[in-house]
Each structure stands twice: as C-alpha cells, then as structure tokens.
Amino acid sequence: LTGHEPAVVIGKNQVMEEPTPRKVAQRLGLDLDICANREFDVLIVG
C-alpha cells in the first residue's frame, strides 16, 4: 500500500474499494449463489 489509510486487502495487491462484509463474503464464497439452486424444502431465516 502507498497510503496510510484503513483498507481491506484480499490477495496480492487486491485492495477493496468501499469494503463491506457483503463484498468480503462474496470474494470468499460465503455469499451463496442463489441462482444455482432457487428451490429448497426448508428455508430457515436466522
């Protein structure tokens, strides 16, 4: 990094712009790709 500002870095030189938990989750595969399966027996919210 060249500046002295807070940042989130994922992998070499990959500084996230306007980082959020959601963006990090997407990068790490935690944010399920709903399109892969849209129908379930049970949806548990929470």
All heavy atoms as atom14 arrays in JSON, in Angstrom:
{
  "sequence": "LTGHEPAVVIGKNQVMEEPTPRKVAQRLGLDLDICANREFDVLIVG",
  "atom14_mask": [
    [1, 1, 1, 1, 1, 1, 1, 1, 0, 0, 0, 0, 0, 0],
    [1, 1, 1, 1, 1, 1, 1, 0, 0, 0, 0, 0, 0, 0],
    [1, 1, 1, 1, 0, 0, 0, 0, 0, 0, 0, 0, 0, 0],
    [1, 1, 1, 1, 1, 1, 1, 1, 1, 1, 0, 0, 0, 0],
    [1, 1, 1, 1, 1, 1, 1, 1, 1, 0, 0, 0, 0, 0],
    [1, 1, 1, 1, 1, 1, 1, 0, 0, 0, 0, 0, 0, 0],
    [1, 1, 1, 1, 1, 0, 0, 0, 0, 0, 0, 0, 0, 0],
    [1, 1, 1, 1, 1, 1, 1, 0, 0, 0, 0, 0, 0, 0],
    [1, 1, 1, 1, 1, 1, 1, 0, 0, 0, 0, 0, 0, 0],
    [1, 1, 1, 1, 1, 1, 1, 1, 0, 0, 0, 0, 0, 0],
    [1, 1, 1, 1, 0, 0, 0, 0, 0, 0, 0, 0, 0, 0],
    [1, 1, 1, 1, 1, 1, 1, 1, 1, 0, 0, 0, 0, 0],
    [1, 1, 1, 1, 1, 1, 1, 1, 0, 0, 0, 0, 0, 0],
    [1, 1, 1, 1, 1, 1, 1, 1, 1, 0, 0, 0, 0, 0],
    [1, 1, 1, 1, 1, 1, 1, 0, 0, 0, 0, 0, 0, 0],
    [1, 1, 1, 1, 1, 1, 1, 1, 0, 0, 0, 0, 0, 0],
    [1, 1, 1, 1, 1, 1, 1, 1, 1, 0, 0, 0, 0, 0],
    [1, 1, 1, 1, 1, 1, 1, 1, 1, 0, 0, 0, 0, 0],
    [1, 1, 1, 1, 1, 1, 1, 0, 0, 0, 0, 0, 0, 0],
    [1, 1, 1, 1, 1, 1, 1, 0, 0, 0, 0, 0, 0, 0],
    [1, 1, 1, 1, 1, 1, 1, 0, 0, 0, 0, 0, 0, 0],
    [1, 1, 1, 1, 1, 1, 1, 1, 1, 1, 1, 0, 0, 0],
    [1, 1, 1, 1, 1, 1, 1, 1, 1, 0, 0, 0, 0, 0],
    [1, 1, 1, 1, 1, 1, 1, 0, 0, 0, 0, 0, 0, 0],
    [1, 1, 1, 1, 1, 0, 0, 0, 0, 0, 0, 0, 0, 0],
    [1, 1, 1, 1, 1, 1, 1, 1, 1, 0, 0, 0, 0, 0],
    [1, 1, 1, 1, 1, 1, 1, 1, 1, 1, 1, 0, 0, 0],
    [1, 1, 1, 1, 1, 1, 1, 1, 0, 0, 0, 0, 0, 0],
    [1, 1, 1, 1, 0, 0, 0, 0, 0, 0, 0, 0, 0, 0],
    [1, 1, 1, 1, 1, 1, 1, 1, 0, 0, 0, 0, 0, 0],
    [1, 1, 1, 1, 1, 1, 1, 1, 0, 0, 0, 0, 0, 0],
    [1, 1, 1, 1, 1, 1, 1, 1, 0, 0, 0, 0, 0, 0],
    [1, 1, 1, 1, 1, 1, 1, 1, 0, 0, 0, 0, 0, 0],
    [1, 1, 1, 1, 1, 1, 1, 1, 0, 0, 0, 0, 0, 0],
    [1, 1, 1, 1, 1, 1, 0, 0, 0, 0, 0, 0, 0, 0],
    [1, 1, 1, 1, 1, 0, 0, 0, 0, 0, 0, 0, 0, 0],
    [1, 1, 1, 1, 1, 1, 1, 1, 0, 0, 0, 0, 0, 0],
    [1, 1, 1, 1, 1, 1, 1, 1, 1, 1, 1, 0, 0, 0],
    [1, 1, 1, 1, 1, 1, 1, 1, 1, 0, 0, 0, 0, 0],
    [1, 1, 1, 1, 1, 1, 1, 1, 1, 1, 1, 0, 0, 0],
    [1, 1, 1, 1, 1, 1, 1, 1, 0, 0, 0, 0, 0, 0],
    [1, 1, 1, 1, 1, 1, 1, 0, 0, 0, 0, 0, 0, 0],
    [1, 1, 1, 1, 1, 1, 1, 1, 0, 0, 0, 0, 0, 0],
    [1, 1, 1, 1, 1, 1, 1, 1, 0, 0, 0, 0, 0, 0],
    [1, 1, 1, 1, 1, 1, 1, 0, 0, 0, 0, 0, 0, 0],
    [1, 1, 1, 1, 0, 0, 0, 0, 0, 0, 0, 0, 0, 0]
  ],
  "atom14_positions": [
    [[0.84, -1.19, 0.0], [0.0, 0.0, 0.0], [0.88, 1.25, 0.0], [1.99, 1.26, 0.53], [-0.91, 0.0, 1.24], [-1.91, -1.16, 1.34], [-2.72, -1.03, 2.62], [-2.84, -1.17, 0.14], [0.0, 0.0, 0.0], [0.0, 0.0, 0.0], [0.0, 0.0, 0.0], [0.0, 0.0, 0.0], [0.0, 0.0, 0.0], [0.0, 0.0, 0.0]],
    [[0.36, 2.32, -0.56], [1.14, 3.56, -0.65], [0.65, 4.63, 0.31], [1.36, 5.57, 0.61], [1.08, 4.13, -2.08], [-0.29, 4.33, -2.45], [1.72, 3.15, -3.06], [0.0, 0.0, 0.0], [0.0, 0.0, 0.0], [0.0, 0.0, 0.0], [0.0, 0.0, 0.0], [0.0, 0.0, 0.0], [0.0, 0.0, 0.0], [0.0, 0.0, 0.0]],
    [[-0.58, 4.5, 0.8], [-1.13, 5.49, 1.71], [-1.23, 4.96, 3.12], [-0.93, 3.81, 3.4], [0.0, 0.0, 0.0], [0.0, 0.0, 0.0], [0.0, 0.0, 0.0], [0.0, 0.0, 0.0], [0.0, 0.0, 0.0], [0.0, 0.0, 0.0], [0.0, 0.0, 0.0], [0.0, 0.0, 0.0], [0.0, 0.0, 0.0], [0.0, 0.0, 0.0]],
    [[-1.61, 5.81, 4.04], [-1.75, 5.44, 5.43], [-3.23, 5.49, 5.83], [-3.6, 6.07, 6.85], [-0.92, 6.36, 6.33], [0.54, 6.12, 6.24], [1.28, 6.4, 5.11], [1.42, 5.59, 7.14], [2.56, 6.08, 5.33], [2.67, 5.58, 6.55], [0.0, 0.0, 0.0], [0.0, 0.0, 0.0], [0.0, 0.0, 0.0], [0.0, 0.0, 0.0]],
    [[-4.06, 4.9, 5.0], [-5.49, 4.89, 5.26], [-5.97, 3.46, 5.53], [-5.38, 2.5, 5.03], [-6.26, 5.46, 4.05], [-5.97, 6.93, 3.76], [-6.38, 7.83, 4.91], [-7.39, 7.51, 5.57], [-5.7, 8.83, 5.17], [0.0, 0.0, 0.0], [0.0, 0.0, 0.0], [0.0, 0.0, 0.0], [0.0, 0.0, 0.0], [0.0, 0.0, 0.0]],
    [[-7.05, 3.29, 6.3], [-7.6, 1.95, 6.54], [-7.97, 1.27, 5.22], [-8.38, 1.93, 4.25], [-8.84, 2.24, 7.39], [-8.55, 3.55, 8.05], [-7.77, 4.34, 7.05], [0.0, 0.0, 0.0], [0.0, 0.0, 0.0], [0.0, 0.0, 0.0], [0.0, 0.0, 0.0], [0.0, 0.0, 0.0], [0.0, 0.0, 0.0], [0.0, 0.0, 0.0]],
    [[-7.82, -0.05, 5.17], [-8.09, -0.77, 3.93], [-8.35, -2.24, 4.23], [-8.01, -2.75, 5.3], [-6.91, -0.65, 2.96], [0.0, 0.0, 0.0], [0.0, 0.0, 0.0], [0.0, 0.0, 0.0], [0.0, 0.0, 0.0], [0.0, 0.0, 0.0], [0.0, 0.0, 0.0], [0.0, 0.0, 0.0], [0.0, 0.0, 0.0], [0.0, 0.0, 0.0]],
    [[-8.97, -2.9, 3.27], [-9.15, -4.35, 3.29], [-8.47, -4.89, 2.05], [-8.76, -4.47, 0.93], [-10.64, -4.73, 3.29], [-10.79, -6.25, 3.22], [-11.33, -4.2, 4.55], [0.0, 0.0, 0.0], [0.0, 0.0, 0.0], [0.0, 0.0, 0.0], [0.0, 0.0, 0.0], [0.0, 0.0, 0.0], [0.0, 0.0, 0.0], [0.0, 0.0, 0.0]],
    [[-7.53, -5.82, 2.25], [-6.76, -6.38, 1.15], [-7.02, -7.88, 1.1], [-6.91, -8.57, 2.11], [-5.25, -6.12, 1.33], [-4.47, -6.62, 0.12], [-4.99, -4.64, 1.57], [0.0, 0.0, 0.0], [0.0, 0.0, 0.0], [0.0, 0.0, 0.0], [0.0, 0.0, 0.0], [0.0, 0.0, 0.0], [0.0, 0.0, 0.0], [0.0, 0.0, 0.0]],
    [[-7.38, -8.38, -0.08], [-7.61, -9.82, -0.25], [-6.72, -10.29, -1.4], [-6.93, -9.94, -2.56], [-9.08, -10.13, -0.56], [-9.96, -9.64, 0.6], [-9.28, -11.62, -0.78], [-11.42, -9.94, 0.41], [0.0, 0.0, 0.0], [0.0, 0.0, 0.0], [0.0, 0.0, 0.0], [0.0, 0.0, 0.0], [0.0, 0.0, 0.0], [0.0, 0.0, 0.0]],
    [[-5.71, -11.07, -1.07], [-4.78, -11.5, -2.1], [-3.8, -10.39, -2.44], [-3.93, -9.25, -2.0], [0.0, 0.0, 0.0], [0.0, 0.0, 0.0], [0.0, 0.0, 0.0], [0.0, 0.0, 0.0], [0.0, 0.0, 0.0], [0.0, 0.0, 0.0], [0.0, 0.0, 0.0], [0.0, 0.0, 0.0], [0.0, 0.0, 0.0], [0.0, 0.0, 0.0]],
    [[-2.83, -10.71, -3.23], [-1.77, -9.75, -3.55], [-2.3, -8.55, -4.33], [-2.89, -8.7, -5.39], [-0.67, -10.46, -4.35], [0.57, -9.61, -4.56], [1.67, -10.42, -5.2], [2.94, -9.6, -5.35], [4.04, -10.39, -5.96], [0.0, 0.0, 0.0], [0.0, 0.0, 0.0], [0.0, 0.0, 0.0], [0.0, 0.0, 0.0], [0.0, 0.0, 0.0]],
    [[-2.1, -7.37, -3.76], [-2.43, -6.1, -4.42], [-3.92, -5.9, -4.69], [-4.3, -5.04, -5.48], [-1.66, -5.95, -5.74], [-0.17, -5.97, -5.54], [0.32, -5.49, -4.51], [0.55, -6.53, -6.49], [0.0, 0.0, 0.0], [0.0, 0.0, 0.0], [0.0, 0.0, 0.0], [0.0, 0.0, 0.0], [0.0, 0.0, 0.0], [0.0, 0.0, 0.0]],
    [[-4.78, -6.69, -4.08], [-6.21, -6.54, -4.32], [-6.85, -5.76, -3.17], [-7.38, -6.32, -2.23], [-6.88, -7.91, -4.46], [-6.37, -8.73, -5.63], [-7.06, -10.06, -5.75], [-8.25, -10.18, -5.51], [-6.31, -11.08, -6.11], [0.0, 0.0, 0.0], [0.0, 0.0, 0.0], [0.0, 0.0, 0.0], [0.0, 0.0, 0.0], [0.0, 0.0, 0.0]],
    [[-6.77, -4.44, -3.26], [-7.35, -3.57, -2.24], [-8.81, -3.32, -2.59], [-9.13, -2.85, -3.68], [-6.59, -2.23, -2.17], [-7.18, -1.35, -1.07], [-5.11, -2.48, -1.91], [0.0, 0.0, 0.0], [0.0, 0.0, 0.0], [0.0, 0.0, 0.0], [0.0, 0.0, 0.0], [0.0, 0.0, 0.0], [0.0, 0.0, 0.0], [0.0, 0.0, 0.0]],
    [[-9.72, -3.63, -1.67], [-11.15, -3.49, -1.94], [-11.57, -2.03, -1.82], [-11.2, -1.34, -0.87], [-11.96, -4.34, -0.96], [-11.71, -5.83, -1.04], [-12.9, -6.8, -0.08], [-14.35, -6.6, -1.11], [0.0, 0.0, 0.0], [0.0, 0.0, 0.0], [0.0, 0.0, 0.0], [0.0, 0.0, 0.0], [0.0, 0.0, 0.0], [0.0, 0.0, 0.0]],
    [[-12.35, -1.59, -2.78], [-12.91, -0.25, -2.73], [-14.23, -0.28, -1.96], [-15.06, -1.16, -2.19], [-13.14, 0.29, -4.14], [-11.85, 0.51, -4.94], [-12.12, 1.13, -6.29], [-13.3, 1.47, -6.55], [-11.18, 1.28, -7.08], [0.0, 0.0, 0.0], [0.0, 0.0, 0.0], [0.0, 0.0, 0.0], [0.0, 0.0, 0.0], [0.0, 0.0, 0.0]],
    [[-14.41, 0.68, -1.05], [-15.62, 0.76, -0.24], [-15.98, -0.62, 0.31], [-17.05, -1.17, 0.03], [-16.78, 1.34, -1.06], [-16.51, 2.74, -1.57], [-17.68, 3.29, -2.37], [-18.67, 2.56, -2.56], [-17.59, 4.45, -2.79], [0.0, 0.0, 0.0], [0.0, 0.0, 0.0], [0.0, 0.0, 0.0], [0.0, 0.0, 0.0], [0.0, 0.0, 0.0]],
    [[-15.1, -1.21, 1.12], [-15.31, -2.58, 1.59], [-16.51, -2.71, 2.52], [-16.81, -1.8, 3.3], [-14.01, -2.9, 2.33], [-13.51, -1.56, 2.78], [-13.87, -0.61, 1.68], [0.0, 0.0, 0.0], [0.0, 0.0, 0.0], [0.0, 0.0, 0.0], [0.0, 0.0, 0.0], [0.0, 0.0, 0.0], [0.0, 0.0, 0.0], [0.0, 0.0, 0.0]],
    [[-17.19, -3.82, 2.42], [-18.32, -4.17, 3.3], [-18.23, -5.66, 3.61], [-17.58, -6.42, 2.88], [-19.67, -3.89, 2.62], [-19.81, -4.76, 1.48], [-19.79, -2.44, 2.19], [0.0, 0.0, 0.0], [0.0, 0.0, 0.0], [0.0, 0.0, 0.0], [0.0, 0.0, 0.0], [0.0, 0.0, 0.0], [0.0, 0.0, 0.0], [0.0, 0.0, 0.0]],
    [[-18.89, -6.1, 4.69], [-18.91, -7.55, 4.96], [-19.45, -8.34, 3.77], [-18.96, -9.43, 3.47], [-19.84, -7.65, 6.18], [-19.65, -6.35, 6.89], [-19.5, -5.34, 5.8], [0.0, 0.0, 0.0], [0.0, 0.0, 0.0], [0.0, 0.0, 0.0], [0.0, 0.0, 0.0], [0.0, 0.0, 0.0], [0.0, 0.0, 0.0], [0.0, 0.0, 0.0]],
    [[-20.47, -7.79, 3.08], [-21.05, -8.5, 1.94], [-20.02, -8.7, 0.83], [-19.93, -9.77, 0.23], [-22.25, -7.71, 1.43], [-22.88, -8.25, 0.16], [-23.7, -9.51, 0.45], [-24.18, -10.08, -0.79], [-25.23, -9.63, -1.47], [-25.89, -8.56, -1.02], [-25.62, -10.23, -2.56], [0.0, 0.0, 0.0], [0.0, 0.0, 0.0], [0.0, 0.0, 0.0]],
    [[-19.24, -7.66, 0.51], [-18.24, -7.78, -0.54], [-17.18, -8.81, -0.19], [-16.73, -9.59, -1.04], [-17.59, -6.42, -0.81], [-18.48, -5.42, -1.54], [-17.71, -4.15, -1.83], [-18.58, -3.14, -2.6], [-17.83, -1.89, -2.88], [0.0, 0.0, 0.0], [0.0, 0.0, 0.0], [0.0, 0.0, 0.0], [0.0, 0.0, 0.0], [0.0, 0.0, 0.0]],
    [[-16.75, -8.81, 1.07], [-15.77, -9.79, 1.51], [-16.35, -11.19, 1.42], [-15.69, -12.13, 0.96], [-15.29, -9.48, 2.94], [-14.38, -10.59, 3.46], [-14.57, -8.15, 2.99], [0.0, 0.0, 0.0], [0.0, 0.0, 0.0], [0.0, 0.0, 0.0], [0.0, 0.0, 0.0], [0.0, 0.0, 0.0], [0.0, 0.0, 0.0], [0.0, 0.0, 0.0]],
    [[-17.61, -11.35, 1.84], [-18.27, -12.65, 1.78], [-18.35, -13.16, 0.34], [-18.13, -14.34, 0.07], [-19.66, -12.57, 2.39], [0.0, 0.0, 0.0], [0.0, 0.0, 0.0], [0.0, 0.0, 0.0], [0.0, 0.0, 0.0], [0.0, 0.0, 0.0], [0.0, 0.0, 0.0], [0.0, 0.0, 0.0], [0.0, 0.0, 0.0], [0.0, 0.0, 0.0]],
    [[-18.67, -12.26, -0.59], [-18.74, -12.65, -2.0], [-17.38, -13.13, -2.5], [-17.29, -14.12, -3.23], [-19.24, -11.47, -2.83], [-20.7, -11.15, -2.64], [-21.13, -9.9, -3.39], [-20.38, -8.93, -3.47], [-22.33, -9.91, -3.96], [0.0, 0.0, 0.0], [0.0, 0.0, 0.0], [0.0, 0.0, 0.0], [0.0, 0.0, 0.0], [0.0, 0.0, 0.0]],
    [[-16.34, -12.41, -2.1], [-14.98, -12.77, -2.56], [-14.55, -14.13, -2.01], [-13.79, -14.85, -2.66], [-14.0, -11.69, -2.11], [-12.59, -11.87, -2.63], [-12.52, -11.6, -4.11], [-11.15, -11.7, -4.62], [-10.52, -12.83, -4.92], [-11.16, -13.98, -4.77], [-9.27, -12.83, -5.37], [0.0, 0.0, 0.0], [0.0, 0.0, 0.0], [0.0, 0.0, 0.0]],
    [[-15.04, -14.48, -0.82], [-14.62, -15.72, -0.17], [-15.62, -16.86, -0.37], [-15.46, -17.93, 0.22], [-14.4, -15.48, 1.33], [-13.31, -14.48, 1.68], [-13.22, -14.29, 3.18], [-11.95, -14.93, 1.13], [0.0, 0.0, 0.0], [0.0, 0.0, 0.0], [0.0, 0.0, 0.0], [0.0, 0.0, 0.0], [0.0, 0.0, 0.0], [0.0, 0.0, 0.0]],
    [[-16.65, -16.64, -1.19], [-17.59, -17.71, -1.47], [-18.58, -17.99, -0.37], [-19.2, -19.06, -0.33], [0.0, 0.0, 0.0], [0.0, 0.0, 0.0], [0.0, 0.0, 0.0], [0.0, 0.0, 0.0], [0.0, 0.0, 0.0], [0.0, 0.0, 0.0], [0.0, 0.0, 0.0], [0.0, 0.0, 0.0], [0.0, 0.0, 0.0], [0.0, 0.0, 0.0]],
    [[-18.77, -17.04, 0.56], [-19.72, -17.23, 1.66], [-21.12, -16.75, 1.3], [-22.1, -17.14, 1.92], [-19.25, -16.47, 2.9], [-17.9, -16.91, 3.46], [-17.42, -15.91, 4.49], [-18.0, -18.29, 4.06], [0.0, 0.0, 0.0], [0.0, 0.0, 0.0], [0.0, 0.0, 0.0], [0.0, 0.0, 0.0], [0.0, 0.0, 0.0], [0.0, 0.0, 0.0]],
    [[-21.2, -15.91, 0.29], [-22.48, -15.38, -0.15], [-23.02, -16.31, -1.23], [-22.62, -16.27, -2.37], [-22.28, -13.97, -0.71], [-23.59, -13.34, -1.16], [-24.64, -13.85, -0.76], [-23.55, -12.37, -1.92], [0.0, 0.0, 0.0], [0.0, 0.0, 0.0], [0.0, 0.0, 0.0], [0.0, 0.0, 0.0], [0.0, 0.0, 0.0], [0.0, 0.0, 0.0]],
    [[-23.93, -17.18, -0.83], [-24.39, -18.27, -1.69], [-24.91, -17.75, -3.03], [-25.66, -16.78, -3.09], [-25.51, -19.03, -0.97], [-26.1, -20.23, -1.7], [-25.09, -21.33, -1.83], [-27.33, -20.73, -0.96], [0.0, 0.0, 0.0], [0.0, 0.0, 0.0], [0.0, 0.0, 0.0], [0.0, 0.0, 0.0], [0.0, 0.0, 0.0], [0.0, 0.0, 0.0]],
    [[-24.52, -18.43, -4.09], [-25.03, -18.12, -5.43], [-26.44, -18.7, -5.53], [-26.63, -19.86, -5.85], [-24.12, -18.72, -6.5], [-24.62, -18.42, -7.9], [-25.6, -17.67, -8.03], [-24.03, -18.94, -8.86], [0.0, 0.0, 0.0], [0.0, 0.0, 0.0], [0.0, 0.0, 0.0], [0.0, 0.0, 0.0], [0.0, 0.0, 0.0], [0.0, 0.0, 0.0]],
    [[-27.44, -17.87, -5.23], [-28.82, -18.34, -5.19], [-29.25, -18.92, -6.54], [-30.04, -19.86, -6.6], [-29.77, -17.19, -4.79], [-29.4, -16.68, -3.39], [-31.21, -17.63, -4.81], [-29.56, -17.69, -2.29], [0.0, 0.0, 0.0], [0.0, 0.0, 0.0], [0.0, 0.0, 0.0], [0.0, 0.0, 0.0], [0.0, 0.0, 0.0], [0.0, 0.0, 0.0]],
    [[-28.69, -18.38, -7.61], [-29.11, -18.83, -8.94], [-28.81, -20.31, -9.15], [-29.41, -20.96, -10.01], [-28.43, -18.0, -10.03], [-28.92, -16.25, -9.99], [0.0, 0.0, 0.0], [0.0, 0.0, 0.0], [0.0, 0.0, 0.0], [0.0, 0.0, 0.0], [0.0, 0.0, 0.0], [0.0, 0.0, 0.0], [0.0, 0.0, 0.0], [0.0, 0.0, 0.0]],
    [[-27.85, -20.85, -8.42], [-27.51, -22.25, -8.59], [-28.62, -23.17, -8.1], [-28.79, -24.28, -8.58], [-26.21, -22.57, -7.85], [0.0, 0.0, 0.0], [0.0, 0.0, 0.0], [0.0, 0.0, 0.0], [0.0, 0.0, 0.0], [0.0, 0.0, 0.0], [0.0, 0.0, 0.0], [0.0, 0.0, 0.0], [0.0, 0.0, 0.0], [0.0, 0.0, 0.0]],
    [[-29.38, -22.72, -7.15], [-30.5, -23.52, -6.62], [-31.49, -22.56, -6.0], [-31.24, -21.98, -4.96], [-29.99, -24.53, -5.58], [-31.11, -25.45, -5.1], [-32.22, -25.41, -5.61], [-30.81, -26.28, -4.12], [0.0, 0.0, 0.0], [0.0, 0.0, 0.0], [0.0, 0.0, 0.0], [0.0, 0.0, 0.0], [0.0, 0.0, 0.0], [0.0, 0.0, 0.0]],
    [[-32.63, -22.41, -6.63], [-33.6, -21.44, -6.15], [-34.71, -22.08, -5.3], [-35.52, -21.36, -4.73], [-34.24, -20.71, -7.34], [-33.32, -19.72, -8.03], [-34.03, -19.03, -9.17], [-33.21, -18.0, -9.77], [-33.14, -16.75, -9.35], [-33.84, -16.37, -8.3], [-32.38, -15.88, -9.96], [0.0, 0.0, 0.0], [0.0, 0.0, 0.0], [0.0, 0.0, 0.0]],
    [[-34.78, -23.39, -5.24], [-35.9, -24.02, -4.54], [-35.39, -25.03, -3.53], [-34.57, -25.89, -3.84], [-36.82, -24.7, -5.55], [-38.12, -25.19, -4.94], [-39.11, -25.67, -5.99], [-39.32, -24.93, -6.98], [-39.67, -26.77, -5.82], [0.0, 0.0, 0.0], [0.0, 0.0, 0.0], [0.0, 0.0, 0.0], [0.0, 0.0, 0.0], [0.0, 0.0, 0.0]],
    [[-35.9, -24.92, -2.31], [-35.49, -25.78, -1.21], [-36.72, -26.4, -0.54], [-37.84, -25.94, -0.74], [-34.68, -24.98, -0.17], [-33.38, -24.44, -0.7], [-33.35, -23.26, -1.43], [-32.2, -25.11, -0.46], [-32.16, -22.76, -1.92], [-30.99, -24.62, -0.96], [-30.98, -23.43, -1.68], [0.0, 0.0, 0.0], [0.0, 0.0, 0.0], [0.0, 0.0, 0.0]],
    [[-36.49, -27.42, 0.26], [-37.57, -27.95, 1.08], [-37.87, -26.99, 2.23], [-39.02, -26.7, 2.54], [-37.18, -29.33, 1.65], [-37.1, -30.41, 0.6], [-37.88, -30.34, -0.37], [-36.26, -31.31, 0.73], [0.0, 0.0, 0.0], [0.0, 0.0, 0.0], [0.0, 0.0, 0.0], [0.0, 0.0, 0.0], [0.0, 0.0, 0.0], [0.0, 0.0, 0.0]],
    [[-36.79, -26.52, 2.87], [-36.93, -25.69, 4.06], [-36.05, -24.45, 3.93], [-34.85, -24.57, 3.63], [-36.54, -26.46, 5.34], [-36.75, -25.58, 6.57], [-37.31, -27.75, 5.46], [0.0, 0.0, 0.0], [0.0, 0.0, 0.0], [0.0, 0.0, 0.0], [0.0, 0.0, 0.0], [0.0, 0.0, 0.0], [0.0, 0.0, 0.0], [0.0, 0.0, 0.0]],
    [[-36.63, -23.29, 4.15], [-35.87, -22.04, 4.26], [-35.87, -21.63, 5.72], [-36.92, -21.41, 6.32], [-36.51, -20.94, 3.4], [-35.93, -19.54, 3.57], [-34.46, -19.51, 3.14], [-36.75, -18.51, 2.8], [0.0, 0.0, 0.0], [0.0, 0.0, 0.0], [0.0, 0.0, 0.0], [0.0, 0.0, 0.0], [0.0, 0.0, 0.0], [0.0, 0.0, 0.0]],
    [[-34.69, -21.55, 6.3], [-34.54, -21.16, 7.7], [-33.98, -19.74, 7.72], [-32.87, -19.5, 7.23], [-33.6, -22.12, 8.45], [-34.15, -23.55, 8.38], [-33.42, -21.69, 9.91], [-33.15, -24.61, 8.82], [0.0, 0.0, 0.0], [0.0, 0.0, 0.0], [0.0, 0.0, 0.0], [0.0, 0.0, 0.0], [0.0, 0.0, 0.0], [0.0, 0.0, 0.0]],
    [[-34.74, -18.82, 8.26], [-34.32, -17.41, 8.28], [-33.79, -17.09, 9.67], [-34.54, -16.98, 10.63], [-35.49, -16.47, 7.91], [-34.98, -15.04, 7.79], [-36.15, -16.91, 6.61], [0.0, 0.0, 0.0], [0.0, 0.0, 0.0], [0.0, 0.0, 0.0], [0.0, 0.0, 0.0], [0.0, 0.0, 0.0], [0.0, 0.0, 0.0], [0.0, 0.0, 0.0]],
    [[-32.47, -16.94, 9.76], [-31.84, -16.66, 11.04], [-30.88, -17.77, 11.42], [-31.22, -18.95, 11.36], [0.0, 0.0, 0.0], [0.0, 0.0, 0.0], [0.0, 0.0, 0.0], [0.0, 0.0, 0.0], [0.0, 0.0, 0.0], [0.0, 0.0, 0.0], [0.0, 0.0, 0.0], [0.0, 0.0, 0.0], [0.0, 0.0, 0.0], [0.0, 0.0, 0.0]]
  ]
}
